[in-house]
Amino acid sequence: MFRTRKQARIEDDLVEIIQNALATRFGIEEIEAVIRAMRSGHASGLTSDGEGARFAREFARSCGVEFALPLNVACNALSIAARLVDLKPGDEIISNPITYIATAIYALRHDATVRFTETEPETLNVDESSIEALITPS
């Protein structure tokens, strides 16, 4: 396939970004699988040339789980997660307040209550010591 210098530079930059983001867990083979799926134009498993399904199988295997479902955005993952846990009106979720709004939106769409934790100032992650106080007795 012919690539312009600009395309090659963009792809090289993309590979570097992905490598840096995933460096602790994934290697070049996984990154190349993502790039192949993106180039195919069929990055989801629903309308695929087979690359998406292959990626899902390989990713699941590398994570030691039975299956994986590649999604195009985290919002879809949150929507699916809310359905899988059968989130109902009155249910509560505990979340980090320093997050994308979609984290709370999917709970609110199911009329659940969102309770925000304290955050660790050094990491901005959930302060685990604040979780227990937020759990409402059932």
C-alpha atoms as a PDB file:
ATOM      1  CA  MET A   1       0.000   0.000   0.000  1.00  0.00           C
ATOM      2  CA  PHE A   2       1.341   3.444  -0.951  1.00  0.00           C
ATOM      3  CA  ARG A   3       1.667   5.951   1.885  1.00  0.00           C
ATOM      4  CA  THR A   4       2.643   9.571   1.704  1.00  0.00           C
ATOM      5  CA  ARG A   5       5.353  10.876   4.015  1.00  0.00           C
ATOM      6  CA  LYS A   6       2.700  12.678   6.019  1.00  0.00           C
ATOM      7  CA  GLN A   7       0.663   9.467   6.427  1.00  0.00           C
ATOM      8  CA  ALA A   8       3.779   7.543   7.447  1.00  0.00           C
ATOM      9  CA  ARG A   9       4.682  10.227   9.997  1.00  0.00           C
ATOM     10  CA  ILE A  10       1.151  10.227  11.420  1.00  0.00           C
ATOM     11  CA  GLU A  11       1.159   6.436  11.647  1.00  0.00           C
ATOM     12  CA  ASP A  12       4.585   6.439  13.296  1.00  0.00           C
ATOM     13  CA  ASP A  13       3.343   9.025  15.801  1.00  0.00           C
ATOM     14  CA  LEU A  14       0.212   6.950  16.433  1.00  0.00           C
ATOM     15  CA  VAL A  15       2.290   3.837  17.058  1.00  0.00           C
ATOM     16  CA  GLU A  16       4.477   5.768  19.510  1.00  0.00           C
ATOM     17  CA  ILE A  17       1.437   7.173  21.337  1.00  0.00           C
ATOM     18  CA  ILE A  18      -0.165   3.740  21.591  1.00  0.00           C
ATOM     19  CA  GLN A  19       3.104   2.143  22.693  1.00  0.00           C
ATOM     20  CA  ASN A  20       3.567   4.742  25.428  1.00  0.00           C
ATOM     21  CA  ALA A  21      -0.036   4.439  26.600  1.00  0.00           C
ATOM     22  CA  LEU A  22       0.006   0.653  26.681  1.00  0.00           C
ATOM     23  CA  ALA A  23       3.668   0.034  27.434  1.00  0.00           C
ATOM     24  CA  THR A  24       3.101  -1.646  30.746  1.00  0.00           C
ATOM     25  CA  ARG A  25       0.867  -4.384  29.369  1.00  0.00           C
ATOM     26  CA  PHE A  26       0.882  -4.675  25.604  1.00  0.00           C
ATOM     27  CA  GLY A  27       3.605  -5.257  23.068  1.00  0.00           C
ATOM     28  CA  ILE A  28       4.108  -4.436  19.421  1.00  0.00           C
ATOM     29  CA  GLU A  29       2.030  -7.441  18.267  1.00  0.00           C
ATOM     30  CA  GLU A  30      -1.060  -6.136  20.061  1.00  0.00           C
ATOM     31  CA  ILE A  31      -0.462  -2.612  18.792  1.00  0.00           C
ATOM     32  CA  GLU A  32      -0.068  -3.886  15.227  1.00  0.00           C
ATOM     33  CA  ALA A  33      -3.354  -5.811  15.585  1.00  0.00           C
ATOM     34  CA  VAL A  34      -5.128  -2.589  16.596  1.00  0.00           C
ATOM     35  CA  ILE A  35      -3.627  -0.735  13.642  1.00  0.00           C
ATOM     36  CA  ARG A  36      -4.653  -3.527  11.217  1.00  0.00           C
ATOM     37  CA  ALA A  37      -8.207  -3.360  12.536  1.00  0.00           C
ATOM     38  CA  MET A  38      -8.259   0.436  12.205  1.00  0.00           C
ATOM     39  CA  ARG A  39      -6.914   0.313   8.654  1.00  0.00           C
ATOM     40  CA  SER A  40      -9.480  -2.296   7.628  1.00  0.00           C
ATOM     41  CA  GLY A  41     -12.307   0.174   8.198  1.00  0.00           C
ATOM     42  CA  HIS A  42     -14.078  -2.531  10.181  1.00  0.00           C
ATOM     43  CA  ALA A  43     -12.897  -1.911  13.729  1.00  0.00           C
ATOM     44  CA  SER A  44     -15.965  -3.350  15.449  1.00  0.00           C
ATOM     45  CA  GLY A  45     -16.864  -7.000  15.596  1.00  0.00           C
ATOM     46  CA  LEU A  46     -20.328  -6.289  14.217  1.00  0.00           C
ATOM     47  CA  THR A  47     -19.330  -5.367  10.653  1.00  0.00           C
ATOM     48  CA  SER A  48     -15.973  -6.968  10.273  1.00  0.00           C
ATOM     49  CA  ASP A  49     -13.662  -8.469   7.729  1.00  0.00           C
ATOM     50  CA  GLY A  50     -12.639 -10.902  10.461  1.00  0.00           C
ATOM     51  CA  GLU A  51      -9.809  -8.783  11.840  1.00  0.00           C
ATOM     52  CA  GLY A  52     -11.979  -7.428  14.669  1.00  0.00           C
ATOM     53  CA  ALA A  53     -12.993 -10.944  15.697  1.00  0.00           C
ATOM     54  CA  ARG A  54      -9.378 -12.112  15.530  1.00  0.00           C
ATOM     55  CA  PHE A  55      -8.303  -9.138  17.626  1.00  0.00           C
ATOM     56  CA  ALA A  56     -11.006  -9.903  20.218  1.00  0.00           C
ATOM     57  CA  ARG A  57      -9.901 -13.549  20.491  1.00  0.00           C
ATOM     58  CA  GLU A  58      -6.218 -12.646  20.772  1.00  0.00           C
ATOM     59  CA  PHE A  59      -6.901  -9.870  23.281  1.00  0.00           C
ATOM     60  CA  ALA A  60      -9.066 -12.158  25.433  1.00  0.00           C
ATOM     61  CA  ARG A  61      -6.371 -14.827  25.350  1.00  0.00           C
ATOM     62  CA  SER A  62      -3.668 -12.339  26.361  1.00  0.00           C
ATOM     63  CA  CYS A  63      -5.840 -11.178  29.291  1.00  0.00           C
ATOM     64  CA  GLY A  64      -6.600 -14.748  30.374  1.00  0.00           C
ATOM     65  CA  VAL A  65     -10.356 -14.418  29.885  1.00  0.00           C
ATOM     66  CA  GLU A  66     -12.887 -16.323  27.796  1.00  0.00           C
ATOM     67  CA  PHE A  67     -13.870 -13.489  25.455  1.00  0.00           C
ATOM     68  CA  ALA A  68     -13.490  -9.777  24.765  1.00  0.00           C
ATOM     69  CA  LEU A  69     -15.726  -7.306  22.969  1.00  0.00           C
ATOM     70  CA  PRO A  70     -13.908  -4.491  21.153  1.00  0.00           C
ATOM     71  CA  LEU A  71     -15.884  -1.250  21.330  1.00  0.00           C
ATOM     72  CA  ASN A  72     -15.336   2.064  19.622  1.00  0.00           C
ATOM     73  CA  VAL A  73     -15.724   4.251  22.717  1.00  0.00           C
ATOM     74  CA  ALA A  74     -15.829   3.875  26.499  1.00  0.00           C
ATOM     75  CA  CYS A  75     -19.400   5.247  26.525  1.00  0.00           C
ATOM     76  CA  ASN A  76     -20.563   2.055  24.840  1.00  0.00           C
ATOM     77  CA  ALA A  77     -18.686   0.003  27.435  1.00  0.00           C
ATOM     78  CA  LEU A  78     -20.408   1.928  30.246  1.00  0.00           C
ATOM     79  CA  SER A  79     -23.816   1.456  28.633  1.00  0.00           C
ATOM     80  CA  ILE A  80     -23.240  -2.286  28.319  1.00  0.00           C
ATOM     81  CA  ALA A  81     -21.896  -2.507  31.884  1.00  0.00           C
ATOM     82  CA  ALA A  82     -25.003  -0.780  33.271  1.00  0.00           C
ATOM     83  CA  ARG A  83     -27.191  -3.353  31.525  1.00  0.00           C
ATOM     84  CA  LEU A  84     -25.027  -6.303  32.545  1.00  0.00           C
ATOM     85  CA  VAL A  85     -25.257  -5.423  36.241  1.00  0.00           C
ATOM     86  CA  ASP A  86     -28.990  -4.748  35.779  1.00  0.00           C
ATOM     87  CA  LEU A  87     -28.739  -1.225  37.171  1.00  0.00           C
ATOM     88  CA  LYS A  88     -32.164  -0.168  38.433  1.00  0.00           C
ATOM     89  CA  PRO A  89     -33.773   2.985  39.837  1.00  0.00           C
ATOM     90  CA  GLY A  90     -32.568   3.493  43.389  1.00  0.00           C
ATOM     91  CA  ASP A  91     -29.339   1.540  42.916  1.00  0.00           C
ATOM     92  CA  GLU A  92     -26.170   3.371  43.809  1.00  0.00           C
ATOM     93  CA  ILE A  93     -22.767   3.518  42.193  1.00  0.00           C
ATOM     94  CA  ILE A  94     -19.606   4.881  43.726  1.00  0.00           C
ATOM     95  CA  SER A  95     -17.317   6.784  41.391  1.00  0.00           C
ATOM     96  CA  ASN A  96     -14.366   9.094  41.224  1.00  0.00           C
ATOM     97  CA  PRO A  97     -15.513  12.716  40.780  1.00  0.00           C
ATOM     98  CA  ILE A  98     -12.512  13.431  38.560  1.00  0.00           C
ATOM     99  CA  THR A  99     -13.749  11.615  35.486  1.00  0.00           C
ATOM    100  CA  TYR A 100     -15.487  12.092  32.171  1.00  0.00           C
ATOM    101  CA  ILE A 101     -19.169  12.924  32.611  1.00  0.00           C
ATOM    102  CA  ALA A 102     -20.235   9.692  30.902  1.00  0.00           C
ATOM    103  CA  THR A 103     -19.161   7.787  34.013  1.00  0.00           C
ATOM    104  CA  ALA A 104     -22.152   9.228  35.868  1.00  0.00           C
ATOM    105  CA  ILE A 105     -24.500   9.618  32.896  1.00  0.00           C
ATOM    106  CA  TYR A 106     -25.121   5.898  32.437  1.00  0.00           C
ATOM    107  CA  ALA A 107     -26.038   5.465  36.088  1.00  0.00           C
ATOM    108  CA  LEU A 108     -28.339   8.481  35.896  1.00  0.00           C
ATOM    109  CA  ARG A 109     -29.985   7.119  32.736  1.00  0.00           C
ATOM    110  CA  HIS A 110     -31.069   4.153  34.851  1.00  0.00           C
ATOM    111  CA  ASP A 111     -32.260   6.465  37.665  1.00  0.00           C
ATOM    112  CA  ALA A 112     -29.456   5.251  39.901  1.00  0.00           C
ATOM    113  CA  THR A 113     -27.696   7.481  42.409  1.00  0.00           C
ATOM    114  CA  VAL A 114     -24.065   8.442  41.930  1.00  0.00           C
ATOM    115  CA  ARG A 115     -21.988   8.843  45.081  1.00  0.00           C
ATOM    116  CA  PHE A 116     -18.564  10.395  44.636  1.00  0.00           C
ATOM    117  CA  THR A 117     -15.499   9.350  46.594  1.00  0.00           C
ATOM    118  CA  GLU A 118     -12.657  11.467  47.806  1.00  0.00           C
ATOM    119  CA  THR A 119      -9.594  11.394  45.574  1.00  0.00           C
ATOM    120  CA  GLU A 120      -5.925  10.813  46.276  1.00  0.00           C
ATOM    121  CA  PRO A 121      -4.220  14.176  45.644  1.00  0.00           C
ATOM    122  CA  GLU A 122      -1.076  12.537  44.267  1.00  0.00           C
ATOM    123  CA  THR A 123      -2.794  10.259  41.739  1.00  0.00           C
ATOM    124  CA  LEU A 124      -6.319  11.697  41.393  1.00  0.00           C
ATOM    125  CA  ASN A 125      -7.557   8.103  41.764  1.00  0.00           C
ATOM    126  CA  VAL A 126     -10.223   6.985  44.215  1.00  0.00           C
ATOM    127  CA  ASP A 127      -9.230   7.330  47.859  1.00  0.00           C
ATOM    128  CA  GLU A 128     -10.072   3.787  48.909  1.00  0.00           C
ATOM    129  CA  SER A 129     -10.513   4.805  52.536  1.00  0.00           C
ATOM    130  CA  SER A 130     -13.525   6.950  51.555  1.00  0.00           C
ATOM    131  CA  ILE A 131     -15.513   4.131  49.916  1.00  0.00           C
ATOM    132  CA  GLU A 132     -16.927   2.339  52.960  1.00  0.00           C
ATOM    133  CA  ALA A 133     -18.620   5.474  54.311  1.00  0.00           C
ATOM    134  CA  LEU A 134     -20.460   5.858  50.995  1.00  0.00           C
ATOM    135  CA  ILE A 135     -22.003   2.379  51.020  1.00  0.00           C
ATOM    136  CA  THR A 136     -25.670   2.617  51.954  1.00  0.00           C
ATOM    137  CA  PRO A 137     -26.944  -0.342  53.996  1.00  0.00           C
ATOM    138  CA  SER A 138     -29.485  -2.360  52.029  1.00  0.00           C
END
